[in-house]
N, C-alpha and C. Protein backbone atom coordinates (compact mmCIF):
# COMPACT_ATOMS: atom_id res chain seq x y z
N UNK A 1 -6.34 -19.32 -10.96
CA UNK A 1 -6.82 -19.37 -9.59
C UNK A 1 -7.99 -18.41 -9.42
N UNK A 2 -8.88 -18.76 -8.49
CA UNK A 2 -10.02 -17.91 -8.17
C UNK A 2 -10.03 -17.66 -6.67
N UNK A 3 -10.39 -16.45 -6.28
CA UNK A 3 -10.47 -16.10 -4.87
C UNK A 3 -11.86 -15.59 -4.55
N UNK A 4 -12.54 -16.27 -3.62
CA UNK A 4 -13.82 -15.74 -3.13
C UNK A 4 -13.51 -14.62 -2.16
N UNK A 5 -14.23 -13.51 -2.29
CA UNK A 5 -13.89 -12.37 -1.45
C UNK A 5 -15.06 -11.41 -1.34
N UNK A 6 -14.95 -10.52 -0.37
CA UNK A 6 -15.82 -9.35 -0.26
C UNK A 6 -14.92 -8.14 -0.12
N UNK A 7 -15.24 -7.02 -0.77
CA UNK A 7 -14.40 -5.82 -0.66
C UNK A 7 -14.26 -5.31 0.77
N UNK A 8 -15.22 -5.66 1.63
CA UNK A 8 -15.17 -5.19 3.01
C UNK A 8 -14.47 -6.15 3.97
N UNK A 9 -14.08 -7.33 3.48
CA UNK A 9 -13.44 -8.32 4.35
C UNK A 9 -11.97 -7.99 4.58
N UNK A 10 -11.55 -7.80 5.83
CA UNK A 10 -10.12 -7.54 6.08
C UNK A 10 -9.26 -8.77 5.82
N UNK A 11 -9.85 -9.96 5.92
CA UNK A 11 -9.12 -11.19 5.66
C UNK A 11 -8.83 -11.33 4.16
N UNK A 12 -9.84 -11.03 3.35
CA UNK A 12 -9.62 -11.05 1.90
C UNK A 12 -8.68 -9.93 1.48
N UNK A 13 -8.77 -8.80 2.16
CA UNK A 13 -7.86 -7.69 1.83
C UNK A 13 -6.41 -8.10 2.04
N UNK A 14 -6.16 -8.83 3.09
CA UNK A 14 -4.80 -9.30 3.37
C UNK A 14 -4.26 -10.12 2.19
N UNK A 15 -5.09 -11.01 1.68
CA UNK A 15 -4.67 -11.84 0.55
C UNK A 15 -4.44 -10.98 -0.68
N UNK A 16 -5.31 -10.01 -0.91
CA UNK A 16 -5.16 -9.14 -2.08
C UNK A 16 -3.86 -8.35 -1.99
N UNK A 17 -3.53 -7.82 -0.81
CA UNK A 17 -2.28 -7.09 -0.64
C UNK A 17 -1.09 -8.01 -0.91
N UNK A 18 -1.13 -9.20 -0.34
CA UNK A 18 -0.03 -10.15 -0.57
C UNK A 18 0.12 -10.47 -2.05
N UNK A 19 -1.00 -10.69 -2.72
CA UNK A 19 -0.95 -11.04 -4.14
C UNK A 19 -0.32 -9.91 -4.95
N UNK A 20 -0.66 -8.68 -4.63
CA UNK A 20 -0.07 -7.54 -5.34
C UNK A 20 1.42 -7.45 -5.05
N UNK A 21 1.78 -7.55 -3.77
CA UNK A 21 3.19 -7.40 -3.39
C UNK A 21 4.04 -8.53 -3.96
N UNK A 22 3.46 -9.69 -4.17
CA UNK A 22 4.19 -10.83 -4.70
C UNK A 22 4.16 -10.90 -6.23
N UNK A 23 3.45 -9.97 -6.86
CA UNK A 23 3.38 -9.96 -8.31
C UNK A 23 2.47 -11.04 -8.90
N UNK A 24 1.49 -11.48 -8.12
CA UNK A 24 0.62 -12.57 -8.56
C UNK A 24 -0.82 -12.14 -8.81
N UNK A 25 -1.10 -10.86 -8.64
CA UNK A 25 -2.48 -10.40 -8.68
C UNK A 25 -3.15 -10.72 -10.01
N UNK A 26 -2.39 -10.67 -11.11
CA UNK A 26 -2.98 -10.91 -12.43
C UNK A 26 -3.28 -12.39 -12.68
N UNK A 27 -2.84 -13.25 -11.80
CA UNK A 27 -3.10 -14.69 -11.95
C UNK A 27 -4.36 -15.13 -11.20
N UNK A 28 -5.03 -14.16 -10.53
CA UNK A 28 -6.17 -14.49 -9.68
C UNK A 28 -7.44 -13.85 -10.23
N UNK A 29 -8.48 -14.65 -10.36
CA UNK A 29 -9.81 -14.14 -10.69
C UNK A 29 -10.58 -13.97 -9.39
N UNK A 30 -11.14 -12.79 -9.19
CA UNK A 30 -11.82 -12.49 -7.93
C UNK A 30 -13.32 -12.70 -8.09
N UNK A 31 -13.86 -13.50 -7.17
CA UNK A 31 -15.28 -13.88 -7.21
C UNK A 31 -16.00 -13.24 -6.02
N UNK A 32 -16.75 -12.16 -6.23
CA UNK A 32 -17.50 -11.56 -5.12
C UNK A 32 -18.45 -12.59 -4.50
N UNK A 33 -18.39 -12.69 -3.18
CA UNK A 33 -19.15 -13.72 -2.47
C UNK A 33 -19.72 -13.13 -1.19
N UNK A 34 -20.95 -13.50 -0.87
CA UNK A 34 -21.59 -13.02 0.36
C UNK A 34 -21.77 -14.18 1.32
N UNK A 35 -21.20 -14.04 2.50
CA UNK A 35 -21.44 -14.99 3.59
C UNK A 35 -21.66 -14.16 4.85
N UNK A 36 -22.70 -14.47 5.58
CA UNK A 36 -23.00 -13.72 6.81
C UNK A 36 -23.79 -14.62 7.74
N UNK A 37 -23.62 -14.44 9.06
CA UNK A 37 -24.39 -15.25 10.01
C UNK A 37 -25.89 -15.13 9.74
N UNK A 38 -26.55 -16.25 9.72
CA UNK A 38 -27.99 -16.26 9.52
C UNK A 38 -28.43 -16.18 8.08
N UNK A 39 -27.47 -16.09 7.17
CA UNK A 39 -27.79 -16.02 5.74
C UNK A 39 -27.31 -17.29 5.06
N UNK A 40 -28.21 -18.18 4.68
CA UNK A 40 -27.79 -19.45 4.08
C UNK A 40 -27.04 -19.23 2.76
N UNK A 41 -26.02 -20.03 2.55
CA UNK A 41 -25.31 -20.04 1.27
C UNK A 41 -24.92 -21.50 1.05
N UNK A 42 -25.90 -22.31 0.64
CA UNK A 42 -25.70 -23.76 0.58
C UNK A 42 -24.65 -24.14 -0.45
N UNK A 43 -24.59 -23.43 -1.55
CA UNK A 43 -23.61 -23.77 -2.59
C UNK A 43 -22.20 -23.56 -2.07
N UNK A 44 -21.97 -22.43 -1.38
CA UNK A 44 -20.64 -22.15 -0.82
C UNK A 44 -20.30 -23.19 0.25
N UNK A 45 -21.28 -23.50 1.08
CA UNK A 45 -21.07 -24.48 2.13
C UNK A 45 -20.67 -25.84 1.55
N UNK A 46 -21.34 -26.24 0.50
CA UNK A 46 -21.09 -27.56 -0.09
C UNK A 46 -19.84 -27.57 -0.96
N UNK A 47 -19.67 -26.55 -1.78
CA UNK A 47 -18.61 -26.57 -2.79
C UNK A 47 -17.28 -26.00 -2.30
N UNK A 48 -17.32 -25.05 -1.37
CA UNK A 48 -16.10 -24.33 -0.99
C UNK A 48 -15.68 -24.63 0.45
N UNK A 49 -16.51 -24.23 1.41
CA UNK A 49 -16.13 -24.42 2.81
C UNK A 49 -17.35 -24.48 3.71
N UNK A 50 -17.47 -25.52 4.52
CA UNK A 50 -18.59 -25.59 5.47
C UNK A 50 -18.51 -24.52 6.54
N UNK A 51 -17.34 -23.88 6.70
CA UNK A 51 -17.21 -22.80 7.68
C UNK A 51 -17.82 -21.50 7.19
N UNK A 52 -18.07 -21.40 5.88
CA UNK A 52 -18.67 -20.21 5.28
C UNK A 52 -17.89 -18.95 5.63
N UNK A 53 -16.57 -19.02 5.44
CA UNK A 53 -15.71 -17.86 5.71
C UNK A 53 -14.99 -17.44 4.43
N UNK A 54 -14.68 -16.15 4.38
CA UNK A 54 -13.90 -15.60 3.28
C UNK A 54 -12.51 -15.26 3.79
N UNK A 55 -11.52 -15.36 2.89
CA UNK A 55 -11.60 -15.80 1.51
C UNK A 55 -11.33 -17.29 1.40
N UNK A 56 -11.49 -17.82 0.19
CA UNK A 56 -11.04 -19.16 -0.16
C UNK A 56 -10.39 -19.07 -1.53
N UNK A 57 -9.30 -19.79 -1.70
CA UNK A 57 -8.58 -19.81 -2.98
C UNK A 57 -8.86 -21.15 -3.66
N UNK A 58 -9.35 -21.07 -4.89
CA UNK A 58 -9.67 -22.27 -5.66
C UNK A 58 -8.62 -22.39 -6.76
N UNK A 59 -7.83 -23.44 -6.69
CA UNK A 59 -6.77 -23.65 -7.66
C UNK A 59 -7.35 -24.18 -8.97
N UNK A 60 -6.53 -24.14 -10.00
CA UNK A 60 -6.99 -24.54 -11.33
C UNK A 60 -7.42 -26.01 -11.39
N UNK A 61 -6.88 -26.84 -10.49
CA UNK A 61 -7.27 -28.25 -10.48
C UNK A 61 -8.47 -28.52 -9.57
N UNK A 62 -9.04 -27.45 -9.01
CA UNK A 62 -10.21 -27.58 -8.14
C UNK A 62 -9.89 -27.64 -6.67
N UNK A 63 -8.62 -27.75 -6.31
CA UNK A 63 -8.23 -27.77 -4.90
C UNK A 63 -8.64 -26.45 -4.24
N UNK A 64 -9.21 -26.54 -3.03
CA UNK A 64 -9.64 -25.35 -2.30
C UNK A 64 -8.71 -25.14 -1.11
N UNK A 65 -8.17 -23.95 -1.00
CA UNK A 65 -7.32 -23.57 0.14
C UNK A 65 -8.07 -22.52 0.94
N UNK A 66 -8.27 -22.80 2.22
CA UNK A 66 -9.00 -21.87 3.09
C UNK A 66 -8.08 -21.29 4.15
N UNK A 67 -8.54 -20.21 4.76
CA UNK A 67 -7.85 -19.44 5.79
C UNK A 67 -6.89 -18.46 5.11
N UNK A 68 -7.04 -17.19 5.45
CA UNK A 68 -6.28 -16.13 4.79
C UNK A 68 -4.78 -16.32 4.95
N UNK A 69 -4.33 -16.76 6.14
CA UNK A 69 -2.89 -16.95 6.31
C UNK A 69 -2.39 -18.09 5.44
N UNK A 70 -3.12 -19.19 5.41
CA UNK A 70 -2.70 -20.34 4.61
C UNK A 70 -2.65 -19.95 3.13
N UNK A 71 -3.61 -19.16 2.69
CA UNK A 71 -3.60 -18.69 1.29
C UNK A 71 -2.38 -17.81 1.04
N UNK A 72 -2.09 -16.90 1.96
CA UNK A 72 -0.91 -16.04 1.80
C UNK A 72 0.37 -16.87 1.79
N UNK A 73 0.42 -17.89 2.62
CA UNK A 73 1.59 -18.76 2.65
C UNK A 73 1.73 -19.51 1.32
N UNK A 74 0.62 -19.95 0.77
CA UNK A 74 0.65 -20.62 -0.52
C UNK A 74 1.17 -19.67 -1.60
N UNK A 75 0.67 -18.43 -1.61
CA UNK A 75 1.11 -17.46 -2.61
C UNK A 75 2.59 -17.12 -2.44
N UNK A 76 3.02 -17.01 -1.19
CA UNK A 76 4.43 -16.74 -0.93
C UNK A 76 5.30 -17.87 -1.48
N UNK A 77 4.86 -19.09 -1.27
CA UNK A 77 5.60 -20.24 -1.79
C UNK A 77 5.59 -20.24 -3.32
N UNK A 78 4.44 -19.88 -3.90
CA UNK A 78 4.33 -19.82 -5.35
C UNK A 78 5.28 -18.79 -5.94
N UNK A 79 5.54 -17.73 -5.18
CA UNK A 79 6.42 -16.66 -5.64
C UNK A 79 7.90 -16.95 -5.37
N UNK A 80 8.19 -18.11 -4.80
CA UNK A 80 9.57 -18.48 -4.57
C UNK A 80 9.92 -18.74 -3.12
N UNK A 81 9.03 -18.33 -2.21
CA UNK A 81 9.24 -18.59 -0.79
C UNK A 81 10.10 -17.56 -0.10
N UNK A 82 9.77 -17.30 1.16
CA UNK A 82 10.57 -16.40 1.97
C UNK A 82 10.41 -14.93 1.62
N UNK A 83 9.38 -14.58 0.88
CA UNK A 83 9.18 -13.19 0.48
C UNK A 83 8.50 -12.38 1.59
N UNK A 84 7.36 -12.88 2.06
CA UNK A 84 6.59 -12.20 3.10
C UNK A 84 6.54 -13.01 4.40
N UNK A 85 6.90 -14.26 4.32
CA UNK A 85 6.93 -15.15 5.49
C UNK A 85 8.32 -15.79 5.52
N UNK A 86 9.09 -15.57 6.59
CA UNK A 86 10.43 -16.17 6.64
C UNK A 86 10.38 -17.66 6.39
N UNK A 87 11.35 -18.15 5.65
CA UNK A 87 11.33 -19.55 5.23
C UNK A 87 11.64 -20.52 6.36
N UNK A 88 12.43 -20.09 7.35
CA UNK A 88 12.83 -21.02 8.40
C UNK A 88 13.36 -20.25 9.61
N UNK A 89 13.68 -20.99 10.66
CA UNK A 89 14.30 -20.40 11.83
C UNK A 89 13.32 -19.70 12.74
N UNK A 90 13.86 -19.07 13.77
CA UNK A 90 13.03 -18.41 14.78
C UNK A 90 12.22 -17.27 14.19
N UNK A 91 12.74 -16.61 13.13
CA UNK A 91 12.01 -15.51 12.50
C UNK A 91 10.68 -16.00 11.94
N UNK A 92 10.67 -17.22 11.40
CA UNK A 92 9.43 -17.77 10.85
C UNK A 92 8.38 -17.95 11.95
N UNK A 93 8.80 -18.52 13.08
CA UNK A 93 7.84 -18.78 14.15
C UNK A 93 7.41 -17.49 14.84
N UNK A 94 8.28 -16.52 14.87
CA UNK A 94 7.91 -15.22 15.44
C UNK A 94 6.82 -14.56 14.60
N UNK A 95 7.01 -14.57 13.28
CA UNK A 95 6.03 -13.96 12.39
C UNK A 95 4.72 -14.73 12.42
N UNK A 96 4.78 -16.04 12.45
CA UNK A 96 3.55 -16.83 12.52
C UNK A 96 2.78 -16.56 13.80
N UNK A 97 3.49 -16.40 14.92
CA UNK A 97 2.84 -16.10 16.19
C UNK A 97 2.23 -14.70 16.18
N UNK A 98 2.98 -13.74 15.64
CA UNK A 98 2.45 -12.37 15.53
C UNK A 98 1.19 -12.36 14.68
N UNK A 99 1.23 -13.09 13.59
CA UNK A 99 0.07 -13.12 12.71
C UNK A 99 -1.13 -13.77 13.40
N UNK A 100 -0.89 -14.83 14.15
CA UNK A 100 -1.99 -15.49 14.86
C UNK A 100 -2.66 -14.52 15.82
N UNK A 101 -1.86 -13.66 16.47
CA UNK A 101 -2.43 -12.66 17.36
C UNK A 101 -3.30 -11.67 16.58
N UNK A 102 -2.81 -11.23 15.44
CA UNK A 102 -3.57 -10.29 14.62
C UNK A 102 -4.83 -10.93 14.06
N UNK A 103 -4.75 -12.20 13.72
CA UNK A 103 -5.94 -12.91 13.24
C UNK A 103 -7.00 -12.94 14.33
N UNK A 104 -6.58 -13.19 15.56
CA UNK A 104 -7.51 -13.19 16.68
C UNK A 104 -8.09 -11.81 16.95
N UNK A 105 -7.28 -10.77 16.77
CA UNK A 105 -7.77 -9.41 16.95
C UNK A 105 -8.85 -9.08 15.93
N UNK A 106 -8.62 -9.49 14.68
CA UNK A 106 -9.63 -9.26 13.64
C UNK A 106 -10.89 -10.07 13.92
N UNK A 107 -10.73 -11.30 14.36
CA UNK A 107 -11.89 -12.11 14.72
C UNK A 107 -12.71 -11.41 15.80
N UNK A 108 -12.03 -10.85 16.79
CA UNK A 108 -12.72 -10.17 17.89
C UNK A 108 -13.48 -8.95 17.39
N UNK A 109 -12.86 -8.17 16.51
CA UNK A 109 -13.55 -6.99 15.97
C UNK A 109 -14.74 -7.39 15.11
N UNK A 110 -14.59 -8.48 14.35
CA UNK A 110 -15.70 -8.96 13.54
C UNK A 110 -16.87 -9.39 14.43
N UNK A 111 -16.57 -10.04 15.54
CA UNK A 111 -17.63 -10.44 16.47
C UNK A 111 -18.31 -9.22 17.08
N UNK A 112 -17.55 -8.18 17.34
CA UNK A 112 -18.15 -6.92 17.82
C UNK A 112 -19.11 -6.36 16.77
N UNK A 113 -18.68 -6.43 15.54
CA UNK A 113 -19.53 -5.94 14.44
C UNK A 113 -20.83 -6.74 14.38
N UNK A 114 -20.73 -8.05 14.46
CA UNK A 114 -21.93 -8.88 14.42
C UNK A 114 -22.83 -8.61 15.62
N UNK A 115 -22.22 -8.45 16.78
CA UNK A 115 -23.00 -8.22 18.00
C UNK A 115 -23.80 -6.93 17.91
N UNK A 116 -23.19 -5.89 17.37
CA UNK A 116 -23.84 -4.57 17.35
C UNK A 116 -24.77 -4.37 16.16
N UNK A 117 -24.51 -5.11 15.05
CA UNK A 117 -25.29 -4.86 13.84
C UNK A 117 -26.28 -5.97 13.48
N UNK A 118 -25.97 -7.22 13.83
CA UNK A 118 -26.81 -8.33 13.40
C UNK A 118 -27.67 -8.92 14.51
N UNK A 119 -27.15 -8.90 15.74
CA UNK A 119 -27.93 -9.48 16.82
C UNK A 119 -29.08 -8.53 17.19
N UNK A 120 -30.28 -9.04 17.40
CA UNK A 120 -31.38 -8.17 17.83
C UNK A 120 -31.00 -7.38 19.08
N UNK A 121 -31.38 -6.13 19.12
CA UNK A 121 -30.93 -5.24 20.19
C UNK A 121 -31.24 -5.79 21.57
N UNK A 122 -32.40 -6.39 21.73
CA UNK A 122 -32.79 -6.90 23.05
C UNK A 122 -31.92 -8.06 23.52
N UNK A 123 -31.18 -8.69 22.58
CA UNK A 123 -30.36 -9.84 22.93
C UNK A 123 -28.87 -9.51 23.00
N UNK A 124 -28.51 -8.27 22.82
CA UNK A 124 -27.09 -7.91 22.82
C UNK A 124 -26.52 -7.98 24.23
N UNK A 125 -25.26 -8.38 24.30
CA UNK A 125 -24.57 -8.58 25.57
C UNK A 125 -23.37 -7.63 25.61
N UNK A 126 -23.53 -6.52 26.31
CA UNK A 126 -22.51 -5.47 26.30
C UNK A 126 -21.20 -5.94 26.94
N UNK A 127 -21.29 -6.72 28.01
CA UNK A 127 -20.08 -7.20 28.67
C UNK A 127 -19.25 -8.06 27.73
N UNK A 128 -19.94 -8.91 26.98
CA UNK A 128 -19.25 -9.77 26.00
C UNK A 128 -18.62 -8.91 24.91
N UNK A 129 -19.38 -7.93 24.41
CA UNK A 129 -18.85 -7.02 23.38
C UNK A 129 -17.59 -6.32 23.89
N UNK A 130 -17.67 -5.78 25.11
CA UNK A 130 -16.53 -5.05 25.67
C UNK A 130 -15.31 -5.95 25.81
N UNK A 131 -15.53 -7.21 26.17
CA UNK A 131 -14.43 -8.15 26.31
C UNK A 131 -13.77 -8.41 24.96
N UNK A 132 -14.58 -8.60 23.92
CA UNK A 132 -14.03 -8.83 22.58
C UNK A 132 -13.25 -7.60 22.11
N UNK A 133 -13.82 -6.43 22.32
CA UNK A 133 -13.15 -5.22 21.88
C UNK A 133 -11.82 -5.03 22.61
N UNK A 134 -11.80 -5.36 23.89
CA UNK A 134 -10.57 -5.21 24.66
C UNK A 134 -9.46 -6.12 24.14
N UNK A 135 -9.83 -7.27 23.61
CA UNK A 135 -8.82 -8.17 23.04
C UNK A 135 -8.12 -7.51 21.86
N UNK A 136 -8.91 -6.86 21.01
CA UNK A 136 -8.31 -6.15 19.88
C UNK A 136 -7.49 -4.96 20.36
N UNK A 137 -8.04 -4.21 21.30
CA UNK A 137 -7.37 -3.00 21.79
C UNK A 137 -6.04 -3.33 22.47
N UNK A 138 -6.04 -4.38 23.29
CA UNK A 138 -4.80 -4.77 23.95
C UNK A 138 -3.79 -5.30 22.94
N UNK A 139 -4.28 -5.88 21.87
CA UNK A 139 -3.38 -6.31 20.80
C UNK A 139 -2.72 -5.12 20.13
N UNK A 140 -3.48 -4.08 19.86
CA UNK A 140 -2.88 -2.87 19.30
C UNK A 140 -1.83 -2.30 20.25
N UNK A 141 -2.14 -2.32 21.54
CA UNK A 141 -1.17 -1.83 22.53
C UNK A 141 0.11 -2.65 22.50
N UNK A 142 -0.01 -3.95 22.30
CA UNK A 142 1.17 -4.82 22.22
C UNK A 142 2.05 -4.42 21.03
N UNK A 143 1.44 -4.18 19.88
CA UNK A 143 2.24 -3.81 18.70
C UNK A 143 2.77 -2.38 18.80
N UNK A 144 2.04 -1.51 19.47
CA UNK A 144 2.54 -0.15 19.71
C UNK A 144 3.85 -0.20 20.50
N UNK A 145 3.96 -1.18 21.38
CA UNK A 145 5.15 -1.31 22.23
C UNK A 145 6.27 -2.10 21.56
N UNK A 146 6.09 -2.47 20.29
CA UNK A 146 7.10 -3.24 19.57
C UNK A 146 7.49 -2.52 18.28
N UNK A 147 8.19 -1.39 18.39
CA UNK A 147 8.51 -0.61 17.18
C UNK A 147 9.37 -1.35 16.18
N UNK A 148 10.11 -2.38 16.63
CA UNK A 148 10.92 -3.15 15.68
C UNK A 148 10.05 -3.87 14.67
N UNK A 149 8.84 -4.28 15.09
CA UNK A 149 7.92 -4.94 14.17
C UNK A 149 7.48 -3.98 13.07
N UNK A 150 7.32 -2.71 13.44
CA UNK A 150 6.81 -1.72 12.51
C UNK A 150 7.86 -1.26 11.51
N UNK A 151 9.13 -1.43 11.85
CA UNK A 151 10.21 -0.83 11.05
C UNK A 151 10.93 -1.83 10.14
N UNK A 152 10.70 -3.12 10.32
CA UNK A 152 11.45 -4.09 9.53
C UNK A 152 10.89 -4.18 8.10
N UNK A 153 11.59 -4.88 7.21
CA UNK A 153 11.09 -5.03 5.83
C UNK A 153 9.69 -5.64 5.80
N UNK A 154 8.95 -5.34 4.76
CA UNK A 154 7.56 -5.77 4.64
C UNK A 154 7.42 -7.26 4.83
N UNK A 155 6.45 -7.65 5.68
CA UNK A 155 6.15 -9.06 5.88
C UNK A 155 4.67 -9.24 6.18
N UNK A 156 4.26 -10.47 6.41
CA UNK A 156 2.85 -10.78 6.62
C UNK A 156 2.31 -10.15 7.90
N UNK A 157 3.15 -9.98 8.92
CA UNK A 157 2.70 -9.32 10.14
C UNK A 157 2.29 -7.89 9.84
N UNK A 158 3.12 -7.16 9.12
CA UNK A 158 2.81 -5.77 8.81
C UNK A 158 1.57 -5.65 7.94
N UNK A 159 1.41 -6.58 7.01
CA UNK A 159 0.22 -6.56 6.16
C UNK A 159 -1.03 -6.82 6.99
N UNK A 160 -0.98 -7.82 7.87
CA UNK A 160 -2.14 -8.12 8.71
C UNK A 160 -2.44 -6.98 9.67
N UNK A 161 -1.41 -6.34 10.21
CA UNK A 161 -1.62 -5.20 11.11
C UNK A 161 -2.28 -4.05 10.35
N UNK A 162 -1.85 -3.81 9.13
CA UNK A 162 -2.47 -2.77 8.31
C UNK A 162 -3.94 -3.07 8.08
N UNK A 163 -4.27 -4.32 7.81
CA UNK A 163 -5.66 -4.70 7.60
C UNK A 163 -6.49 -4.54 8.88
N UNK A 164 -5.90 -4.85 10.02
CA UNK A 164 -6.62 -4.69 11.30
C UNK A 164 -6.89 -3.22 11.59
N UNK A 165 -5.90 -2.38 11.38
CA UNK A 165 -6.08 -0.95 11.60
C UNK A 165 -7.09 -0.38 10.60
N UNK A 166 -7.00 -0.84 9.36
CA UNK A 166 -7.95 -0.38 8.35
C UNK A 166 -9.37 -0.81 8.68
N UNK A 167 -9.52 -2.00 9.24
CA UNK A 167 -10.86 -2.46 9.63
C UNK A 167 -11.40 -1.64 10.79
N UNK A 168 -10.51 -1.27 11.71
CA UNK A 168 -10.94 -0.40 12.82
C UNK A 168 -11.45 0.93 12.27
N UNK A 169 -10.74 1.48 11.29
CA UNK A 169 -11.21 2.72 10.65
C UNK A 169 -12.55 2.52 9.96
N UNK A 170 -12.68 1.39 9.27
CA UNK A 170 -13.86 1.13 8.44
C UNK A 170 -15.12 0.89 9.26
N UNK A 171 -15.01 0.07 10.29
CA UNK A 171 -16.20 -0.34 11.05
C UNK A 171 -16.35 0.38 12.39
N UNK A 172 -15.24 0.94 12.92
CA UNK A 172 -15.29 1.60 14.23
C UNK A 172 -14.58 2.95 14.14
N UNK A 173 -15.06 3.84 13.27
CA UNK A 173 -14.33 5.08 12.96
C UNK A 173 -14.14 6.01 14.15
N UNK A 174 -14.92 5.84 15.20
CA UNK A 174 -14.81 6.73 16.35
C UNK A 174 -14.05 6.10 17.52
N UNK A 175 -13.35 4.99 17.28
CA UNK A 175 -12.70 4.30 18.40
C UNK A 175 -11.45 5.03 18.90
N UNK A 176 -10.88 5.91 18.10
CA UNK A 176 -9.77 6.74 18.57
C UNK A 176 -8.43 6.06 18.67
N UNK A 177 -8.19 5.05 17.85
CA UNK A 177 -6.92 4.31 17.99
C UNK A 177 -5.71 5.17 17.67
N UNK A 178 -5.83 6.14 16.78
CA UNK A 178 -4.68 6.97 16.45
C UNK A 178 -4.19 7.78 17.64
N UNK A 179 -5.11 8.31 18.42
CA UNK A 179 -4.71 9.09 19.59
C UNK A 179 -4.04 8.22 20.65
N UNK A 180 -4.49 6.97 20.75
CA UNK A 180 -3.94 6.08 21.76
C UNK A 180 -2.63 5.43 21.32
N UNK A 181 -2.46 5.27 20.01
CA UNK A 181 -1.30 4.53 19.51
C UNK A 181 -0.59 5.32 18.40
N UNK A 182 0.17 6.34 18.76
CA UNK A 182 0.79 7.20 17.75
C UNK A 182 1.80 6.47 16.85
N UNK A 183 2.49 5.48 17.40
CA UNK A 183 3.44 4.73 16.55
C UNK A 183 2.69 3.94 15.49
N UNK A 184 1.57 3.35 15.86
CA UNK A 184 0.76 2.65 14.88
C UNK A 184 0.18 3.61 13.85
N UNK A 185 -0.18 4.81 14.30
CA UNK A 185 -0.71 5.81 13.37
C UNK A 185 0.33 6.18 12.31
N UNK A 186 1.58 6.36 12.75
CA UNK A 186 2.65 6.68 11.80
C UNK A 186 2.91 5.51 10.86
N UNK A 187 2.91 4.31 11.41
CA UNK A 187 3.10 3.10 10.59
C UNK A 187 2.00 2.99 9.55
N UNK A 188 0.76 3.20 9.96
CA UNK A 188 -0.37 3.07 9.05
C UNK A 188 -0.33 4.13 7.95
N UNK A 189 0.08 5.33 8.31
CA UNK A 189 0.19 6.40 7.30
C UNK A 189 1.21 6.02 6.23
N UNK A 190 2.33 5.41 6.67
CA UNK A 190 3.34 4.98 5.71
C UNK A 190 2.83 3.83 4.85
N UNK A 191 2.21 2.85 5.47
CA UNK A 191 1.69 1.70 4.73
C UNK A 191 0.61 2.13 3.74
N UNK A 192 -0.15 3.15 4.09
CA UNK A 192 -1.25 3.59 3.24
C UNK A 192 -0.77 4.20 1.93
N UNK A 193 0.52 4.47 1.84
CA UNK A 193 1.07 5.00 0.59
C UNK A 193 1.39 3.88 -0.41
N UNK A 194 1.38 2.64 0.06
CA UNK A 194 1.70 1.54 -0.85
C UNK A 194 0.53 1.31 -1.81
N UNK A 195 0.82 1.13 -3.09
CA UNK A 195 -0.26 0.88 -4.06
C UNK A 195 -1.13 -0.32 -3.69
N UNK A 196 -0.53 -1.35 -3.11
CA UNK A 196 -1.31 -2.54 -2.74
C UNK A 196 -2.35 -2.24 -1.68
N UNK A 197 -1.99 -1.37 -0.74
CA UNK A 197 -2.92 -0.99 0.33
C UNK A 197 -4.02 -0.09 -0.22
N UNK A 198 -3.64 0.82 -1.09
CA UNK A 198 -4.64 1.70 -1.70
C UNK A 198 -5.61 0.93 -2.57
N UNK A 199 -5.09 -0.01 -3.37
CA UNK A 199 -5.94 -0.75 -4.30
C UNK A 199 -6.93 -1.67 -3.59
N UNK A 200 -6.62 -2.08 -2.37
CA UNK A 200 -7.46 -3.04 -1.64
C UNK A 200 -8.32 -2.39 -0.58
N UNK A 201 -8.35 -1.08 -0.52
CA UNK A 201 -9.11 -0.38 0.53
C UNK A 201 -10.59 -0.74 0.46
N UNK A 202 -11.24 -0.88 1.61
CA UNK A 202 -12.67 -1.20 1.61
C UNK A 202 -13.47 -0.04 1.04
N UNK A 203 -14.69 -0.29 0.62
CA UNK A 203 -15.51 0.78 0.04
C UNK A 203 -15.82 1.86 1.06
N UNK A 204 -16.01 3.05 0.57
CA UNK A 204 -16.37 4.16 1.45
C UNK A 204 -17.77 3.92 1.99
N UNK A 205 -17.92 4.29 3.28
CA UNK A 205 -19.25 4.09 3.90
C UNK A 205 -20.29 4.99 3.25
């Protein structure tokens, strides 16, 4: 299998953490890939995904699996199922819903990054930026108020939350989330001790 990725992508990081935790990391070849708004990548668009998003998993038969959650679900199934994503019942739908919220939070932070770094300064829309940031911030507040999520056995929700918090550190180091969300800070400190989280950390600025 091959995985298109960037070391700075929180979505690719999620897959890397899952692969390590599931014991599948040695079965994946990692292909550094650059995709960014306004930067053409015709080969990736044609061969991998017209959405030009990372990561994508390319199976040995050429099948392409896109979306970080779908890739993680595929890896979980490959490892026997029910490891990081509950196999059935209400627990499965709860985790899928939690993950969807975290995916949206990461999308919002990524849009903030694009707005502040890629859009010409004269065209930036602060109200829109603030709205996107508030979506992520309110999401963190939601998880701060759900300590049961933070304390249960490792699952895809906790991995995605770790990636979201890590992305906040990486791209928005002065946002102050630790002061506002002490339970998340404690959770992140614990998760940061896991070898999978350490091995997948984004590059130092």
